[in-house]
Amino acid sequence: MIYYKTAAEIERIRESALIVSKTLGMLASEIKPGVTTSHLDKLAEAFIHDHGAEPGFLGLYGFPNTLCTSPNGGVVHGIPNAEPLAEGDILSVDCGVRKDGFCGDQAYTFEVGEVAPALRHLLQVTRECLYKGIAAFRAGNRTGDVGHAIQKHAEDHGYSVVRELVGHGLGRKMHEDPQLPNYGKCGRGKKLREGLVAAIEPMVNSGTEKVERSEDGWTIKTSDGKASAHFEHDVAIVNGKPEILSSFTYVRHALGIKSDGSAPFDSEMPSSTAT
């Protein structure tokens, strides 16, 4: 069942989403060669508690940590560990929060030190895929329109989109209906309506679309070992149009990035909030 949110509920989700955004912004300054993902996980858990919220992933379906950390060929659901990050890695960080009964969920793929131009291009295109999908997330469209926009942009650049893992509705639960695949056909799927809130999250691979689960039971990796990127925003349909509830502003502020291709959505979360 799809639960459509009131204006008040959307604001509660926004509050949780922005705590996730601030957590990622804090982590952005910590992600560097030699740092372990288990250290990042501890920082994130403390930060979330300090902001009056609870980690949304810790214990969810039995997951053991606050963050999902997936380097290089990791797609999603990586378990933080004691292996130091290396120069030239990329690291996808997925984080969830629960506050006052509502959830926030966001992901960002970070560069670790200086990365190869090919990896930087993968990250750029995946961010663009996210905003292509967001632009299609509006009343009257269907879930297939969102997936098609993401898939087309990725494939136009020679990349593939993961099929087994999808975006999702968001609210009192971290994962609600409808599912939002990152592929599809225009005009197909569930119709999008006012008040729908969803986490839109392209997972784009530089090689094959195929993935496999690691022996730890959680980590999803590309089957060919090639790099994967993951970016995610929480988005509501307000007055028929997409409104982003989360923000990359905090990450951009920490990294000194002026713009990441999010226009025309930047106006919804001005840089003055990055404090």
Protein backbone atom coordinates (compact mmCIF):
# COMPACT_ATOMS: atom_id res chain seq x y z
CA MET A 1 0.00 0.00 0.00
CA ILE A 2 1.22 3.49 -0.86
CA TYR A 3 0.95 6.09 1.90
CA TYR A 4 0.62 9.68 0.71
CA LYS A 5 1.94 12.25 3.16
CA THR A 6 0.41 15.44 4.48
CA ALA A 7 2.35 18.70 4.44
CA ALA A 8 3.12 18.24 8.15
CA GLU A 9 4.41 14.71 7.59
CA ILE A 10 6.61 15.87 4.73
CA GLU A 11 8.21 18.42 7.06
CA ARG A 12 8.93 15.69 9.61
CA ILE A 13 10.58 13.59 6.91
CA ARG A 14 12.56 16.64 5.81
CA GLU A 15 13.86 17.07 9.35
CA SER A 16 15.14 13.48 9.43
CA ALA A 17 16.50 13.75 5.89
CA LEU A 18 18.52 16.83 6.74
CA ILE A 19 20.09 15.11 9.74
CA VAL A 20 21.33 12.48 7.30
CA SER A 21 22.57 15.27 5.02
CA LYS A 22 24.47 16.88 7.88
CA THR A 23 25.94 13.50 8.85
CA LEU A 24 27.28 13.01 5.33
CA GLY A 25 28.63 16.55 5.40
CA MET A 26 30.50 15.79 8.62
CA LEU A 27 31.89 12.57 7.14
CA ALA A 28 33.04 14.34 3.97
CA SER A 29 35.88 15.98 5.91
CA GLU A 30 36.92 12.65 7.43
CA ILE A 31 37.08 10.50 4.29
CA LYS A 32 40.72 10.31 3.25
CA PRO A 33 43.43 7.70 2.67
CA GLY A 34 44.24 5.69 5.79
CA VAL A 35 40.83 6.15 7.45
CA THR A 36 38.78 3.03 8.16
CA THR A 37 35.07 2.71 7.48
CA SER A 38 34.55 1.39 11.01
CA HIS A 39 35.89 4.74 12.28
CA LEU A 40 33.46 6.59 10.00
CA ASP A 41 30.65 4.43 11.33
CA LYS A 42 31.41 5.37 14.94
CA LEU A 43 31.55 9.06 14.04
CA ALA A 44 28.20 8.85 12.27
CA GLU A 45 26.45 7.04 15.10
CA ALA A 46 27.61 9.61 17.66
CA PHE A 47 26.70 12.52 15.36
CA ILE A 48 23.18 11.21 14.78
CA HIS A 49 22.58 10.73 18.51
CA ASP A 50 23.94 14.21 19.19
CA HIS A 51 21.27 15.57 16.84
CA GLY A 52 18.43 13.90 18.74
CA ALA A 53 17.86 11.06 16.29
CA GLU A 54 18.49 7.32 16.02
CA PRO A 55 20.45 5.51 13.31
CA GLY A 56 17.91 4.18 10.85
CA PHE A 57 19.95 1.24 9.56
CA LEU A 58 21.36 -0.09 12.83
CA GLY A 59 19.39 -3.27 13.52
CA LEU A 60 17.16 -2.81 10.46
CA TYR A 61 16.56 -6.34 9.13
CA GLY A 62 19.47 -7.30 11.37
CA PHE A 63 22.04 -4.94 9.78
CA PRO A 64 24.90 -4.48 12.29
CA ASN A 65 25.96 -0.87 11.68
CA THR A 66 24.90 2.75 11.29
CA LEU A 67 26.41 3.21 7.83
CA CYS A 68 26.51 1.12 4.71
CA THR A 69 30.01 1.68 3.28
CA SER A 70 30.78 0.29 -0.17
CA PRO A 71 34.19 1.01 -1.76
CA ASN A 72 35.06 0.70 -5.45
CA GLY A 73 33.22 -2.38 -6.79
CA GLY A 74 30.88 -2.39 -3.82
CA VAL A 75 27.37 -1.33 -4.83
CA VAL A 76 25.43 -1.13 -1.54
CA HIS A 77 25.04 -2.62 1.94
CA GLY A 78 28.75 -2.84 2.68
CA ILE A 79 29.57 -3.47 6.34
CA PRO A 80 32.10 -1.03 7.86
CA ASN A 81 35.43 -2.67 8.68
CA ALA A 82 39.01 -2.03 9.80
CA GLU A 83 40.58 -1.95 6.32
CA PRO A 84 42.06 1.52 5.62
CA LEU A 85 40.85 3.42 2.59
CA ALA A 86 43.48 3.92 -0.09
CA GLU A 87 44.39 6.82 -2.35
CA GLY A 88 42.27 6.64 -5.50
CA ASP A 89 39.39 4.69 -3.97
CA ILE A 90 35.79 5.74 -4.25
CA LEU A 91 33.47 5.11 -1.31
CA SER A 92 29.68 4.99 -1.38
CA VAL A 93 28.20 5.92 2.00
CA ASP A 94 24.51 5.21 2.60
CA CYS A 95 22.99 6.51 5.84
CA GLY A 96 19.55 6.45 7.42
CA VAL A 97 18.01 8.26 10.38
CA ARG A 98 14.81 7.96 12.38
CA LYS A 99 13.51 10.94 14.34
CA ASP A 100 10.08 11.43 15.89
CA GLY A 101 8.74 8.44 14.00
CA PHE A 102 9.88 9.47 10.50
CA CYS A 103 12.84 8.35 8.41
CA GLY A 104 15.49 9.96 6.25
CA ASP A 105 17.71 8.05 3.82
CA GLN A 106 20.54 9.40 1.66
CA ALA A 107 23.69 8.23 -0.10
CA TYR A 108 26.77 9.86 -1.60
CA THR A 109 29.82 8.41 -3.33
CA PHE A 110 33.02 10.12 -2.23
CA GLU A 111 36.43 10.39 -3.83
CA VAL A 112 39.28 9.23 -1.58
CA GLY A 113 42.22 11.49 -2.34
CA GLU A 114 42.95 11.86 -6.05
CA VAL A 115 40.94 9.47 -8.20
CA ALA A 116 41.28 8.50 -11.85
CA PRO A 117 39.39 10.65 -14.39
CA ALA A 118 37.31 7.62 -15.42
CA LEU A 119 36.05 7.22 -11.85
CA ARG A 120 35.34 10.92 -11.54
CA HIS A 121 33.27 10.71 -14.71
CA LEU A 122 31.30 7.75 -13.33
CA LEU A 123 30.44 9.78 -10.24
CA GLN A 124 29.46 12.81 -12.29
CA VAL A 125 27.15 10.81 -14.56
CA THR A 126 25.56 9.00 -11.62
CA ARG A 127 24.77 12.32 -9.94
CA GLU A 128 23.27 13.49 -13.21
CA CYS A 129 21.19 10.31 -13.34
CA LEU A 130 19.82 11.15 -9.90
CA TYR A 131 18.65 14.59 -11.00
CA LYS A 132 17.24 13.21 -14.26
CA GLY A 133 15.16 10.81 -12.17
CA ILE A 134 14.09 13.55 -9.76
CA ALA A 135 12.92 15.75 -12.65
CA ALA A 136 10.61 12.92 -13.78
CA PHE A 137 9.21 12.43 -10.26
CA ARG A 138 6.06 14.52 -10.61
CA ALA A 139 2.33 14.10 -10.39
CA GLY A 140 0.83 12.33 -13.41
CA ASN A 141 4.03 10.54 -14.37
CA ARG A 142 4.68 6.91 -13.52
CA THR A 143 7.51 5.04 -11.84
CA GLY A 144 8.67 3.88 -15.27
CA ASP A 145 9.24 7.49 -16.30
CA VAL A 146 11.66 7.94 -13.39
CA GLY A 147 13.48 4.69 -14.13
CA HIS A 148 13.66 5.42 -17.85
CA ALA A 149 15.23 8.83 -17.27
CA ILE A 150 17.91 7.29 -15.05
CA GLN A 151 18.58 4.31 -17.31
CA LYS A 152 18.80 6.32 -20.51
CA HIS A 153 21.31 8.80 -19.13
CA ALA A 154 23.51 6.05 -17.70
CA GLU A 155 23.44 3.94 -20.84
CA ASP A 156 24.00 6.95 -23.09
CA HIS A 157 27.37 7.28 -21.32
CA GLY A 158 28.25 3.60 -21.63
CA TYR A 159 27.32 2.59 -18.08
CA SER A 160 24.77 0.12 -16.73
CA VAL A 161 22.16 0.36 -13.97
CA VAL A 162 21.67 -2.26 -11.28
CA ARG A 163 18.38 -4.14 -11.67
CA GLU A 164 18.10 -6.06 -8.40
CA LEU A 165 18.11 -3.00 -6.11
CA VAL A 166 15.66 -0.12 -6.32
CA GLY A 167 14.55 3.19 -4.86
CA HIS A 168 11.50 3.17 -2.60
CA GLY A 169 8.81 5.05 -0.79
CA LEU A 170 9.82 6.65 2.52
CA GLY A 171 7.96 7.74 5.63
CA ARG A 172 7.34 6.10 8.98
CA LYS A 173 9.17 3.10 7.56
CA MET A 174 12.54 3.20 5.85
CA HIS A 175 11.22 1.17 2.95
CA GLU A 176 7.66 1.73 1.77
CA ASP A 177 5.75 1.27 -1.47
CA PRO A 178 6.17 1.97 -4.29
CA GLN A 179 9.42 0.53 -5.53
CA LEU A 180 11.28 2.80 -7.95
CA PRO A 181 13.57 0.79 -10.24
CA ASN A 182 16.41 2.65 -11.90
CA TYR A 183 15.28 1.36 -15.28
CA GLY A 184 11.95 1.20 -17.05
CA LYS A 185 9.69 2.33 -19.85
CA CYS A 186 7.89 5.65 -20.02
CA GLY A 187 4.22 5.44 -19.11
CA ARG A 188 4.60 2.15 -17.23
CA GLY A 189 4.36 1.40 -13.51
CA LYS A 190 2.60 3.04 -10.60
CA LYS A 191 1.16 6.50 -11.17
CA LEU A 192 2.80 9.27 -9.14
CA ARG A 193 0.54 11.47 -7.02
CA GLU A 194 0.67 14.50 -4.77
CA GLY A 195 2.12 13.73 -1.34
CA LEU A 196 4.25 10.79 -2.41
CA VAL A 197 7.67 10.74 -0.74
CA ALA A 198 10.41 8.50 -2.08
CA ALA A 199 14.12 7.82 -1.93
CA ILE A 200 15.44 7.99 -5.48
CA GLU A 201 18.81 6.27 -5.69
CA PRO A 202 20.60 5.40 -8.93
CA MET A 203 23.21 2.65 -8.60
CA VAL A 204 25.34 2.85 -11.74
CA ASN A 205 28.10 0.43 -12.72
CA SER A 206 31.04 1.10 -15.00
CA GLY A 207 30.82 -2.46 -16.32
CA THR A 208 28.15 -5.12 -16.15
CA GLU A 209 24.79 -4.51 -14.53
CA LYS A 210 25.08 -7.88 -12.78
CA VAL A 211 25.80 -7.99 -9.05
CA GLU A 212 26.45 -10.65 -6.43
CA ARG A 213 26.13 -10.93 -2.66
CA SER A 214 29.26 -11.46 -0.57
CA GLU A 215 29.71 -14.17 2.01
CA ASP A 216 28.91 -11.73 4.83
CA GLY A 217 25.29 -11.89 3.67
CA TRP A 218 25.02 -8.13 3.14
CA THR A 219 27.60 -6.62 0.82
CA ILE A 220 26.46 -6.34 -2.81
CA LYS A 221 29.29 -6.07 -5.34
CA THR A 222 29.58 -5.84 -9.10
CA SER A 223 30.05 -9.27 -10.66
CA ASP A 224 33.00 -8.10 -12.74
CA GLY A 225 34.69 -6.17 -9.93
CA LYS A 226 34.43 -2.86 -11.77
CA ALA A 227 33.48 0.36 -9.99
CA SER A 228 29.97 1.34 -8.97
CA ALA A 229 28.54 4.68 -7.80
CA HIS A 230 25.44 5.44 -5.72
CA PHE A 231 23.73 8.75 -5.03
CA GLU A 232 20.39 9.17 -3.25
CA HIS A 233 17.96 11.94 -2.34
CA ASP A 234 14.64 12.00 -0.50
CA VAL A 235 12.02 13.69 -2.67
CA ALA A 236 8.37 14.69 -2.18
CA ILE A 237 5.75 15.62 -4.75
CA VAL A 238 4.52 19.05 -3.66
CA ASN A 239 2.16 21.08 -5.84
CA GLY A 240 2.66 18.43 -8.48
CA LYS A 241 6.44 18.91 -8.69
CA PRO A 242 9.49 17.26 -7.09
CA GLU A 243 10.83 18.89 -3.95
CA ILE A 244 14.11 17.57 -2.57
CA LEU A 245 13.95 17.07 1.21
CA SER A 246 17.60 16.06 1.69
CA SER A 247 20.62 18.08 0.57
CA PHE A 248 24.15 17.65 -0.75
CA THR A 249 24.91 21.22 0.29
CA TYR A 250 26.66 20.08 3.47
CA VAL A 251 28.91 17.72 1.51
CA ARG A 252 29.66 20.35 -1.12
CA HIS A 253 30.46 22.89 1.59
CA ALA A 254 32.86 20.48 3.31
CA LEU A 255 34.60 19.60 0.04
CA GLY A 256 34.65 23.11 -1.42
CA ILE A 257 32.42 22.13 -4.35
CA LYS A 258 30.38 25.04 -5.70
CA SER A 259 28.03 23.00 -7.88
CA ASP A 260 27.49 19.34 -8.70
CA GLY A 261 24.93 19.54 -11.48
CA SER A 262 21.92 19.74 -9.17
CA ALA A 263 20.47 22.86 -10.82
CA PRO A 264 17.62 23.78 -10.95
CA PHE A 265 17.12 22.09 -7.57
CA ASP A 266 19.82 24.03 -5.66
CA SER A 267 17.39 26.86 -4.96
CA GLU A 268 15.42 24.56 -2.67
CA MET A 269 18.34 24.25 -0.26
CA PRO A 270 20.45 27.44 -0.33
CA SER A 271 24.14 27.31 0.54
CA SER A 272 23.51 29.48 3.58
CA THR A 273 22.19 26.36 5.36
CA ALA A 274 25.63 24.75 5.28
CA THR A 275 26.75 25.77 8.73
